[in-house]
N, C-alpha and C. Protein backbone atom coordinates (compact mmCIF):
# COMPACT_ATOMS: atom_id res chain seq x y z
N UNK A 1 89.38 91.41 132.95
CA UNK A 1 90.18 90.99 133.92
C UNK A 1 90.86 91.72 135.16
N UNK A 2 92.36 91.31 135.36
CA UNK A 2 92.79 92.04 136.26
C UNK A 2 92.49 91.00 138.09
N UNK A 3 93.47 90.82 138.63
CA UNK A 3 93.65 90.34 139.67
C UNK A 3 94.79 91.01 140.44
N UNK A 4 94.65 90.93 141.85
CA UNK A 4 95.54 91.79 142.50
C UNK A 4 96.77 90.34 142.99
N UNK A 5 96.99 90.37 143.55
CA UNK A 5 98.20 89.00 143.79
C UNK A 5 99.09 89.92 145.09
N UNK A 6 99.20 88.63 146.32
CA UNK A 6 99.97 88.72 147.15
C UNK A 6 101.02 88.68 147.18
N UNK A 7 101.74 88.06 146.33
CA UNK A 7 102.95 88.09 146.00
C UNK A 7 103.51 87.18 144.51
N UNK A 8 104.69 88.01 144.58
CA UNK A 8 105.76 87.77 143.29
C UNK A 8 106.19 86.21 143.15
N UNK A 9 105.22 85.08 142.40
CA UNK A 9 105.96 83.76 142.45
C UNK A 9 104.88 83.31 141.39
N UNK A 10 105.44 81.61 140.59
CA UNK A 10 105.13 80.67 140.15
C UNK A 10 105.07 81.09 138.68
N UNK A 11 103.39 81.63 138.42
CA UNK A 11 103.01 82.05 137.09
C UNK A 11 103.34 83.55 136.89
N UNK A 12 103.57 84.26 137.98
CA UNK A 12 103.47 85.68 137.73
C UNK A 12 105.09 86.09 137.93
N UNK A 13 105.91 85.06 138.42
CA UNK A 13 107.50 85.37 138.50
C UNK A 13 107.97 85.09 136.92
N UNK A 14 107.61 83.73 136.95
CA UNK A 14 107.61 83.18 135.50
C UNK A 14 107.40 84.63 134.04
N UNK A 15 106.67 85.04 134.31
CA UNK A 15 106.38 86.06 133.48
C UNK A 15 107.16 86.83 133.28
N UNK A 16 107.25 87.59 134.63
CA UNK A 16 108.19 88.67 134.77
C UNK A 16 109.87 88.41 134.42
N UNK A 17 110.32 87.17 134.37
CA UNK A 17 111.59 86.83 134.02
C UNK A 17 111.91 86.55 132.59
N UNK A 18 110.35 86.44 132.00
CA UNK A 18 110.88 86.08 130.94
C UNK A 18 110.15 87.47 129.59
N UNK A 19 110.21 88.23 129.75
CA UNK A 19 110.73 89.40 129.55
C UNK A 19 111.84 90.30 129.25
N UNK A 20 111.80 90.81 128.06
CA UNK A 20 113.05 91.75 127.67
C UNK A 20 113.26 92.63 128.22
N UNK A 21 111.65 93.53 128.36
CA UNK A 21 112.11 95.18 129.09
C UNK A 21 110.97 95.49 129.76
N UNK A 22 111.19 96.07 130.51
CA UNK A 22 110.25 96.63 131.42
C UNK A 22 110.08 98.07 132.01
N UNK A 23 109.30 98.94 131.92
CA UNK A 23 109.18 100.10 132.07
C UNK A 23 108.94 100.48 133.62
N UNK A 24 109.73 101.49 134.50
CA UNK A 24 109.73 102.22 135.90
C UNK A 24 109.09 103.89 135.17
N UNK A 25 107.78 103.94 136.54
CA UNK A 25 107.51 105.39 136.28
C UNK A 25 107.91 106.08 137.80
N UNK A 26 108.09 106.96 137.73
CA UNK A 26 108.27 108.05 139.11
C UNK A 26 107.84 109.65 138.41
N UNK A 27 107.48 110.14 140.12
CA UNK A 27 107.05 111.37 139.82
C UNK A 27 107.64 112.19 141.05
N UNK A 28 107.76 113.16 141.09
CA UNK A 28 108.18 114.13 142.37
C UNK A 28 106.43 114.66 142.99
N UNK A 29 107.32 115.13 144.43
CA UNK A 29 105.97 115.25 145.42
C UNK A 29 105.26 116.35 144.51
N UNK A 30 105.77 117.36 143.91
CA UNK A 30 104.89 118.44 143.68
C UNK A 30 104.57 118.22 142.52
N UNK A 31 103.03 118.46 142.43
CA UNK A 31 101.81 118.66 140.96
C UNK A 31 102.49 118.83 140.10
N UNK A 32 103.23 119.99 140.30
CA UNK A 32 103.22 120.49 139.01
C UNK A 32 104.75 120.06 138.30
N UNK A 33 105.29 118.72 139.11
CA UNK A 33 106.68 118.57 138.51
C UNK A 33 106.55 117.69 137.47
N UNK A 34 107.86 116.85 136.88
CA UNK A 34 108.00 115.75 135.89
C UNK A 34 107.97 114.73 136.23
N UNK A 35 106.61 114.26 135.46
CA UNK A 35 106.52 112.82 135.61
C UNK A 35 107.47 111.93 134.67
N UNK A 36 108.45 110.67 135.02
CA UNK A 36 109.52 110.02 134.18
C UNK A 36 108.48 108.91 133.96
N UNK A 37 108.85 108.78 133.38
CA UNK A 37 108.81 106.63 132.33
C UNK A 37 109.99 106.82 132.01
N UNK A 38 110.38 105.64 132.02
CA UNK A 38 111.99 104.71 131.84
C UNK A 38 111.97 103.65 131.59
N UNK A 39 112.26 103.35 129.89
CA UNK A 39 112.16 101.55 129.25
C UNK A 39 113.17 101.06 130.04
N UNK A 40 113.63 99.77 130.33
CA UNK A 40 114.71 99.26 131.16
C UNK A 40 115.04 97.45 130.26
N UNK A 41 116.56 97.57 129.66
CA UNK A 41 115.95 96.47 128.84
C UNK A 41 117.35 95.44 127.93
N UNK A 42 118.56 95.99 129.40
CA UNK A 42 119.55 95.56 129.16
C UNK A 42 119.97 93.76 129.89
N UNK A 43 119.87 93.09 129.33
CA UNK A 43 119.49 91.33 129.79
C UNK A 43 120.33 91.01 130.85
N UNK A 44 119.60 90.56 131.86
CA UNK A 44 120.53 90.19 132.97
C UNK A 44 120.29 91.05 134.25
N UNK A 45 119.86 92.52 134.13
CA UNK A 45 120.33 93.75 135.20
C UNK A 45 118.79 93.73 135.81
N UNK A 46 117.93 92.85 135.86
CA UNK A 46 116.78 93.45 136.47
C UNK A 46 116.63 91.24 137.47
N UNK A 47 116.21 91.51 138.94
CA UNK A 47 116.05 90.49 139.37
C UNK A 47 115.06 90.58 140.72
N UNK A 48 114.63 89.26 140.80
CA UNK A 48 113.57 89.00 141.75
C UNK A 48 114.22 88.46 143.03
N UNK A 49 114.52 89.67 144.67
CA UNK A 49 115.76 89.26 145.57
C UNK A 49 114.46 87.89 146.23
N UNK A 50 112.79 88.44 145.84
CA UNK A 50 112.67 87.10 147.09
C UNK A 50 110.60 87.76 146.52
N UNK A 51 109.35 87.54 147.21
CA UNK A 51 108.45 87.28 146.67
C UNK A 51 107.95 88.75 146.43
N UNK A 52 108.79 89.40 147.39
CA UNK A 52 108.28 91.20 147.38
C UNK A 52 109.34 92.51 146.77
N UNK A 53 110.57 92.02 146.70
CA UNK A 53 111.62 92.60 146.50
C UNK A 53 112.18 92.51 145.27
N UNK A 54 112.27 93.22 144.74
CA UNK A 54 113.26 93.33 143.58
C UNK A 54 114.01 94.25 142.97
N UNK A 55 115.46 94.00 142.27
CA UNK A 55 116.02 95.27 142.22
C UNK A 55 116.65 94.94 140.97
N UNK A 56 116.70 95.96 140.12
CA UNK A 56 117.55 96.17 138.95
C UNK A 56 119.22 97.37 138.54
N UNK A 57 119.64 97.05 137.82
CA UNK A 57 120.96 97.84 137.58
C UNK A 57 121.07 99.36 137.42
N UNK A 58 121.03 100.66 137.86
CA UNK A 58 120.82 101.91 137.00
C UNK A 58 121.85 102.15 136.55
N UNK A 59 121.74 102.00 135.57
CA UNK A 59 123.69 102.28 134.25
C UNK A 59 123.27 103.75 133.57
N UNK A 60 124.12 104.29 133.33
CA UNK A 60 125.04 105.16 132.86
C UNK A 60 123.37 105.84 131.70
N UNK A 61 122.97 107.63 131.96
CA UNK A 61 122.57 107.96 130.99
C UNK A 61 122.55 109.61 130.79
N UNK A 62 121.58 109.73 130.76
CA UNK A 62 121.95 111.24 130.42
C UNK A 62 121.01 112.48 131.16
N UNK A 63 119.94 111.08 131.87
CA UNK A 63 119.49 112.31 133.36
C UNK A 63 119.46 110.76 134.37
N UNK A 64 118.78 111.67 135.83
CA UNK A 64 118.62 110.74 136.68
C UNK A 64 117.39 111.07 137.61
N UNK A 65 116.35 110.99 136.84
CA UNK A 65 115.00 111.12 137.54
C UNK A 65 114.89 110.27 138.13
N UNK A 66 114.69 109.01 138.00
CA UNK A 66 114.08 107.82 138.43
C UNK A 66 114.89 107.96 140.25
N UNK A 67 116.24 108.18 139.72
CA UNK A 67 116.86 108.63 141.29
C UNK A 67 116.88 109.32 141.96
N UNK A 68 116.24 110.86 141.59
CA UNK A 68 115.81 112.02 142.83
C UNK A 68 114.28 111.82 143.13
N UNK A 69 113.48 111.39 142.40
CA UNK A 69 112.19 111.07 142.78
C UNK A 69 111.94 109.63 143.72
N UNK A 70 112.92 109.02 143.80
CA UNK A 70 113.29 107.93 144.60
C UNK A 70 113.84 108.00 145.97
N UNK A 71 114.72 109.41 145.47
CA UNK A 71 115.78 110.17 146.80
C UNK A 71 114.74 110.16 147.92
N UNK A 72 113.51 111.45 146.98
CA UNK A 72 112.35 112.61 146.85
C UNK A 72 111.76 111.57 148.18
N UNK A 73 110.84 110.55 147.78
CA UNK A 73 109.75 110.31 148.51
C UNK A 73 109.43 108.94 147.43
N UNK A 74 110.42 107.80 147.10
CA UNK A 74 110.42 106.64 147.33
C UNK A 74 109.02 105.76 146.53
N UNK A 75 108.22 106.66 146.24
CA UNK A 75 107.18 106.29 145.04
C UNK A 75 107.56 105.58 143.79
N UNK A 76 107.40 104.42 143.28
CA UNK A 76 107.65 103.64 141.90
C UNK A 76 106.93 102.79 141.45
N UNK A 77 106.46 102.46 140.45
CA UNK A 77 105.46 101.77 139.43
C UNK A 77 106.47 101.11 138.40
N UNK A 78 106.81 99.73 138.37
CA UNK A 78 107.11 98.88 137.48
C UNK A 78 105.97 98.44 136.52
N UNK A 79 106.62 98.28 135.30
CA UNK A 79 105.35 97.17 134.25
C UNK A 79 105.78 96.49 133.30
N UNK A 80 105.56 95.38 133.61
CA UNK A 80 106.06 94.55 132.11
C UNK A 80 104.71 94.43 131.39
N UNK A 81 105.11 94.33 129.82
CA UNK A 81 103.86 93.83 128.93
C UNK A 81 104.16 92.82 128.64
N UNK A 82 103.62 91.88 127.64
CA UNK A 82 103.93 90.89 127.28
C UNK A 82 103.41 91.23 125.25
N UNK A 83 104.83 90.97 124.69
CA UNK A 83 105.23 91.61 123.31
C UNK A 83 104.53 90.28 122.72
N UNK A 84 104.93 89.33 123.25
CA UNK A 84 104.85 87.83 122.60
C UNK A 84 103.78 86.85 123.63
N UNK A 85 103.27 85.34 122.80
CA UNK A 85 102.23 85.10 124.34
C UNK A 85 101.35 85.67 124.85
N UNK A 86 101.09 85.10 125.32
CA UNK A 86 99.67 85.44 126.31
C UNK A 86 99.24 86.65 126.41
N UNK A 87 98.45 87.96 126.30
CA UNK A 87 98.12 89.22 126.47
C UNK A 87 98.08 89.43 127.85
N UNK A 88 99.34 90.14 128.16
CA UNK A 88 99.39 90.13 130.30
C UNK A 88 99.80 91.42 129.87
N UNK A 89 99.63 91.74 131.00
CA UNK A 89 100.40 93.44 131.54
C UNK A 89 100.14 93.09 133.03
N UNK A 90 101.09 93.32 133.83
CA UNK A 90 102.04 92.93 134.96
C UNK A 90 102.58 94.25 135.44
N UNK A 91 101.91 95.32 136.46
CA UNK A 91 102.06 96.31 137.37
C UNK A 91 102.32 95.60 139.01
N UNK A 92 103.85 96.32 139.31
CA UNK A 92 104.10 96.11 140.80
C UNK A 92 104.28 97.69 140.92
N UNK A 93 103.34 98.53 142.10
CA UNK A 93 103.51 99.56 142.70
C UNK A 93 104.04 99.39 144.29
N UNK A 94 105.37 100.33 144.27
CA UNK A 94 105.87 100.23 145.70
C UNK A 94 106.78 100.85 145.56
N UNK A 95 107.62 101.09 146.71
CA UNK A 95 108.46 102.06 147.81
C UNK A 95 110.18 101.50 146.75
N UNK A 96 110.92 102.75 146.15
CA UNK A 96 112.09 102.24 145.56
C UNK A 96 113.09 102.88 146.63
N UNK A 97 114.60 102.89 146.27
CA UNK A 97 115.34 103.27 147.09
C UNK A 97 116.85 103.13 146.29
N UNK A 98 117.56 104.03 146.29
CA UNK A 98 118.51 104.13 145.02
C UNK A 98 119.41 103.51 145.94
N UNK A 99 120.45 102.25 145.32
CA UNK A 99 121.48 101.78 146.57
C UNK A 99 122.72 102.01 146.11
N UNK A 100 123.51 103.38 146.01
CA UNK A 100 124.64 103.27 145.88
C UNK A 100 126.17 103.16 146.16
N UNK A 101 126.46 103.34 145.12
CA UNK A 101 128.22 101.99 145.29
C UNK A 101 129.13 102.49 146.54
N UNK A 102 128.55 103.56 147.31
CA UNK A 102 129.48 103.24 148.83
C UNK A 102 128.47 102.91 149.47
N UNK A 103 127.80 102.48 149.37
CA UNK A 103 126.20 101.88 150.53
C UNK A 103 127.43 100.42 150.95
N UNK A 104 127.08 100.00 152.04
CA UNK A 104 127.87 98.76 152.41
C UNK A 104 126.71 97.52 151.66
N UNK A 105 125.89 98.07 151.31
CA UNK A 105 124.55 97.25 150.73
C UNK A 105 124.73 96.48 149.41
N UNK A 106 125.46 97.56 149.07
CA UNK A 106 126.05 97.56 147.17
C UNK A 106 126.69 96.42 147.14
N UNK A 107 127.44 95.73 147.03
CA UNK A 107 128.61 94.94 146.81
C UNK A 107 127.22 93.34 146.82
N UNK A 108 127.50 93.18 147.99
CA UNK A 108 125.80 92.02 148.20
C UNK A 108 124.69 92.02 147.05
N UNK A 109 124.10 93.19 147.25
CA UNK A 109 123.64 93.02 145.65
C UNK A 109 124.24 93.24 144.56
N UNK A 110 124.99 93.58 143.89
CA UNK A 110 125.51 93.15 143.11
C UNK A 110 125.69 92.09 142.80
N UNK A 111 125.70 90.83 143.35
CA UNK A 111 126.15 89.58 143.51
C UNK A 111 124.97 88.54 143.15
N UNK A 112 123.77 89.43 142.99
CA UNK A 112 122.63 88.90 142.79
C UNK A 112 122.30 88.78 141.11
N UNK A 113 123.17 89.31 140.89
CA UNK A 113 122.78 90.11 139.16
C UNK A 113 124.21 89.06 138.81
N UNK A 114 124.06 88.18 137.86
CA UNK A 114 124.90 87.05 137.71
C UNK A 114 124.74 87.16 135.73
N UNK A 115 124.34 88.05 135.62
CA UNK A 115 123.03 87.61 133.81
C UNK A 115 123.90 88.67 132.98
N UNK A 116 125.13 89.62 133.87
CA UNK A 116 124.83 90.52 132.91
C UNK A 116 126.33 92.08 133.58
N UNK A 117 127.35 91.99 132.48
CA UNK A 117 128.84 92.90 132.50
C UNK A 117 127.93 94.09 133.20
N UNK A 118 128.10 94.22 134.33
CA UNK A 118 128.00 95.70 135.03
C UNK A 118 128.86 96.72 134.72
N UNK A 119 130.25 96.31 133.95
CA UNK A 119 131.23 96.69 133.85
C UNK A 119 131.23 97.74 132.54
N UNK A 120 130.57 97.39 132.12
CA UNK A 120 130.10 97.55 130.70
C UNK A 120 128.96 98.91 130.03
N UNK A 121 128.47 99.00 131.38
CA UNK A 121 127.42 99.95 131.50
C UNK A 121 127.39 101.34 131.73
N UNK A 122 128.26 101.15 132.49
CA UNK A 122 128.52 102.71 133.75
C UNK A 122 127.37 102.36 134.63
N UNK A 123 127.74 101.55 135.43
CA UNK A 123 126.80 101.67 137.07
C UNK A 123 126.78 102.74 137.56
N UNK A 124 125.99 102.76 138.28
CA UNK A 124 125.92 104.07 139.08
C UNK A 124 124.78 104.21 139.79
N UNK A 125 123.96 102.81 140.40
CA UNK A 125 122.98 102.47 141.59
C UNK A 125 122.60 101.25 141.30
N UNK A 126 121.96 100.96 142.63
CA UNK A 126 121.22 99.91 142.50
C UNK A 126 120.28 99.73 142.77
N UNK A 127 119.15 100.00 142.26
CA UNK A 127 117.59 100.41 142.06
C UNK A 127 117.00 99.25 143.19
N UNK A 128 116.58 99.47 144.31
CA UNK A 128 115.64 97.81 145.15
C UNK A 128 114.29 98.42 145.04
N UNK A 129 113.48 97.39 145.12
CA UNK A 129 111.61 97.97 144.74
C UNK A 129 111.20 97.09 145.89
N UNK A 130 110.07 97.70 146.72
CA UNK A 130 109.24 96.63 147.34
C UNK A 130 107.86 96.93 147.00
N UNK A 131 107.01 95.61 146.83
CA UNK A 131 106.32 95.67 146.50
C UNK A 131 104.94 95.99 146.85
N UNK A 132 104.16 97.01 147.11
CA UNK A 132 102.60 97.11 147.90
C UNK A 132 101.91 97.13 147.52
N UNK A 133 101.58 96.78 146.16
CA UNK A 133 100.32 96.37 145.24
C UNK A 133 101.08 95.95 144.37
N UNK A 134 100.60 94.68 143.35
CA UNK A 134 100.91 93.60 142.58
C UNK A 134 99.63 93.75 141.66
N UNK A 135 100.02 93.21 140.52
CA UNK A 135 98.23 93.70 139.81
C UNK A 135 98.42 93.43 138.06
N UNK A 136 97.61 92.26 137.89
CA UNK A 136 97.73 92.22 136.36
C UNK A 136 96.86 92.26 135.59
N UNK A 137 96.42 92.83 134.24
CA UNK A 137 95.23 92.83 133.54
C UNK A 137 95.66 92.49 131.99
N UNK A 138 94.62 92.87 130.91
CA UNK A 138 94.46 92.13 130.40
C UNK A 138 95.32 92.71 129.17
N UNK A 139 96.66 92.19 128.50
CA UNK A 139 97.10 93.09 127.03
C UNK A 139 96.57 93.37 125.61
N UNK A 140 94.79 93.20 125.45
CA UNK A 140 94.91 93.25 124.21
C UNK A 140 94.62 94.31 123.42
N UNK A 141 95.67 95.19 124.24
CA UNK A 141 96.01 96.45 122.91
C UNK A 141 96.79 96.03 122.49
N UNK A 142 98.13 95.53 123.19
CA UNK A 142 99.56 95.09 123.12
C UNK A 142 99.67 94.75 121.76
N UNK A 143 100.92 95.38 121.24
CA UNK A 143 100.93 94.31 119.88
C UNK A 143 101.76 93.52 119.51
N UNK A 144 101.87 92.55 119.00
CA UNK A 144 102.76 90.98 118.73
C UNK A 144 104.53 92.24 118.52
N UNK A 145 105.52 91.83 119.24
CA UNK A 145 106.51 92.14 118.55
C UNK A 145 107.60 91.29 119.51
N UNK A 146 108.56 90.96 118.60
CA UNK A 146 109.69 90.06 118.44
C UNK A 146 110.79 90.63 119.04
N UNK A 147 111.53 90.03 119.66
CA UNK A 147 112.68 90.18 120.26
C UNK A 147 114.36 89.54 119.49
N UNK A 148 115.14 90.82 118.89
CA UNK A 148 115.75 90.03 118.15
C UNK A 148 117.02 89.97 119.17
N UNK A 149 117.73 90.63 119.85
CA UNK A 149 118.88 91.07 120.93
C UNK A 149 118.73 92.37 121.43
N UNK A 150 120.09 92.25 122.39
CA UNK A 150 119.86 93.86 122.71
C UNK A 150 120.80 94.42 121.90
N UNK A 151 120.36 95.85 122.01
CA UNK A 151 121.68 97.34 121.72
C UNK A 151 122.61 96.64 122.18
N UNK A 152 123.51 96.95 121.11
CA UNK A 152 124.75 96.72 121.59
C UNK A 152 125.78 97.96 122.00
N UNK A 153 124.86 99.21 122.00
CA UNK A 153 125.38 100.70 121.36
C UNK A 153 125.55 100.96 123.17
N UNK A 154 124.94 100.57 123.60
CA UNK A 154 125.48 101.32 125.12
C UNK A 154 126.46 100.67 125.87
N UNK A 155 126.35 99.06 125.80
CA UNK A 155 127.80 98.25 126.22
C UNK A 155 128.91 99.16 125.64
N UNK A 156 129.24 99.85 124.45
CA UNK A 156 130.14 100.23 123.43
C UNK A 156 130.66 101.22 124.05
N UNK A 157 129.40 102.33 123.92
CA UNK A 157 129.61 103.66 124.25
C UNK A 157 130.52 103.53 125.78
N UNK A 158 129.51 102.87 126.88
CA UNK A 158 130.69 103.15 128.42
C UNK A 158 131.40 101.94 129.17
N UNK A 159 131.89 100.91 127.89
CA UNK A 159 132.61 100.13 128.18
C UNK A 159 133.97 100.30 128.35
N UNK A 160 134.31 101.69 127.27
CA UNK A 160 136.10 102.43 128.06
C UNK A 160 135.91 103.95 128.73
N UNK A 161 134.63 103.76 129.67
CA UNK A 161 134.93 104.67 130.77
C UNK A 161 135.41 103.99 131.66
N UNK A 162 136.26 104.33 132.87
CA UNK A 162 136.85 104.04 134.12
C UNK A 162 135.76 104.78 135.37
N UNK A 163 136.02 104.90 136.75
CA UNK A 163 135.28 105.74 137.67
C UNK A 163 135.91 106.91 136.99
N UNK A 164 136.95 107.25 137.22
CA UNK A 164 136.82 108.76 137.13
C UNK A 164 136.21 109.19 135.77
N UNK A 165 136.71 108.54 134.66
CA UNK A 165 136.09 109.15 133.70
C UNK A 165 134.38 109.23 133.21
N UNK A 166 133.61 108.11 134.41
CA UNK A 166 132.35 107.84 134.07
C UNK A 166 132.05 109.02 135.54
N UNK A 167 132.51 109.56 136.33
CA UNK A 167 132.45 110.78 136.88
C UNK A 167 132.40 111.33 136.17
N UNK A 168 133.47 112.03 135.31
CA UNK A 168 133.37 113.26 134.68
C UNK A 168 132.59 113.45 133.39
N UNK A 169 132.10 112.41 133.03
CA UNK A 169 130.48 112.43 132.22
C UNK A 169 129.67 113.05 132.98
N UNK A 170 128.97 112.55 133.97
CA UNK A 170 128.33 112.66 134.91
C UNK A 170 128.72 114.08 134.98
N UNK A 171 129.61 114.64 135.78
CA UNK A 171 129.46 115.92 135.98
C UNK A 171 128.99 116.83 135.18
N UNK A 172 129.49 117.06 133.74
CA UNK A 172 129.19 117.85 132.91
C UNK A 172 127.67 117.55 132.43
N UNK A 173 126.98 116.75 132.30
CA UNK A 173 124.96 116.52 132.16
C UNK A 173 124.74 117.41 133.29
N UNK A 174 123.90 118.01 132.35
CA UNK A 174 123.08 119.44 133.25
C UNK A 174 122.06 118.09 134.27
N UNK A 175 121.23 117.07 134.47
CA UNK A 175 120.69 116.37 135.01
C UNK A 175 120.55 115.63 135.72
N UNK A 176 122.25 115.27 136.09
CA UNK A 176 122.78 114.16 136.79
C UNK A 176 122.43 114.22 138.02
N UNK A 177 123.11 115.19 138.61
CA UNK A 177 123.65 116.00 140.15
C UNK A 177 121.91 115.85 140.73
N UNK A 178 121.81 117.14 139.23
CA UNK A 178 119.63 117.84 140.00
C UNK A 178 119.10 117.14 139.04
N UNK A 179 118.02 116.94 139.00
CA UNK A 179 116.90 116.49 138.26
C UNK A 179 116.06 117.39 137.38
N UNK A 180 115.26 117.55 136.64
CA UNK A 180 114.91 118.62 135.80
C UNK A 180 114.23 119.31 136.54
N UNK A 181 113.47 119.04 138.21
CA UNK A 181 112.89 120.19 138.90
C UNK A 181 113.81 120.64 139.91
N UNK A 182 114.35 120.28 139.72
CA UNK A 182 115.58 120.98 140.78
C UNK A 182 115.99 119.84 142.05
N UNK A 183 115.54 118.72 141.96
CA UNK A 183 116.20 117.56 143.04
C UNK A 183 117.16 116.90 143.08
N UNK A 184 117.66 117.06 144.29
CA UNK A 184 119.11 116.22 144.59
C UNK A 184 118.89 114.17 143.54
N UNK A 185 120.09 114.49 142.82
CA UNK A 185 120.22 113.07 141.74
C UNK A 185 121.67 112.22 142.78
N UNK A 186 121.73 112.23 141.46
CA UNK A 186 123.06 111.34 141.57
C UNK A 186 124.31 112.00 142.52
N UNK A 187 124.70 111.73 143.39
CA UNK A 187 125.55 112.33 144.18
C UNK A 187 126.79 112.02 143.35
N UNK A 188 127.54 113.09 143.10
CA UNK A 188 128.58 113.35 142.80
C UNK A 188 129.69 113.79 143.26
N UNK A 189 131.00 113.73 143.15
CA UNK A 189 131.72 112.53 142.35
C UNK A 189 131.20 111.14 142.72
N UNK A 190 131.14 110.38 141.79
CA UNK A 190 130.89 108.94 141.88
C UNK A 190 131.37 108.31 141.84
N UNK A 191 131.57 107.77 143.41
CA UNK A 191 132.83 106.65 144.18
C UNK A 191 132.84 105.44 143.23
N UNK A 192 133.72 104.97 143.39
CA UNK A 192 134.55 104.02 142.81
C UNK A 192 133.33 102.69 142.47
N UNK A 193 133.48 101.80 142.15
CA UNK A 193 132.85 100.35 142.25
C UNK A 193 133.51 99.98 143.30
N UNK A 194 133.43 98.84 144.31
CA UNK A 194 133.47 98.14 145.44
C UNK A 194 134.75 96.73 144.58
N UNK A 195 135.36 96.46 145.22
CA UNK A 195 136.12 95.28 144.73
C UNK A 195 135.45 94.26 144.96
N UNK A 196 135.24 92.96 143.83
CA UNK A 196 134.44 91.88 143.98
C UNK A 196 134.54 90.82 145.06
N UNK A 197 133.73 90.47 145.30
CA UNK A 197 134.09 89.50 146.42
C UNK A 197 134.46 88.34 146.51
């Protein structure tokens, strides 16, 4: 099994949009640098912009490795796997960039996400990815697992922050402005969220 696709549409698009979690992988150029692998799972925080471009909301966390790696070299892989239904794994290898709050594109991109209240999760940036290689493979070894609901803990923790307190939280964390390997991460202080259009 395993097929290469020219674009994300039809069955492939449906599969991706139905998944409750996906994973992102990035790495610095330095061969001794730290490879990063992150799960993403807040419902409504991923959108397909067109047949080759996608975006997801980058929420508050204790580091900013993906942002740092993308700022350095742009390489990223996204992966979805079926925990229910037919066994399938889809990988999108591509180039990504973090679009920060003060970028003129930010507000327009944010309008594409209508399935999540981003104000409750400490939104830092929007990661935009352009696919260069789209492949699927069998997921025969992926176990069946059921989705119950999103965990409420992230929203409960960050819903109480405004722009200033969120920025102060990030400034206290060792690996937000600078990655584990010393690369520039999230620019601080955090700019205010642009007003809703």
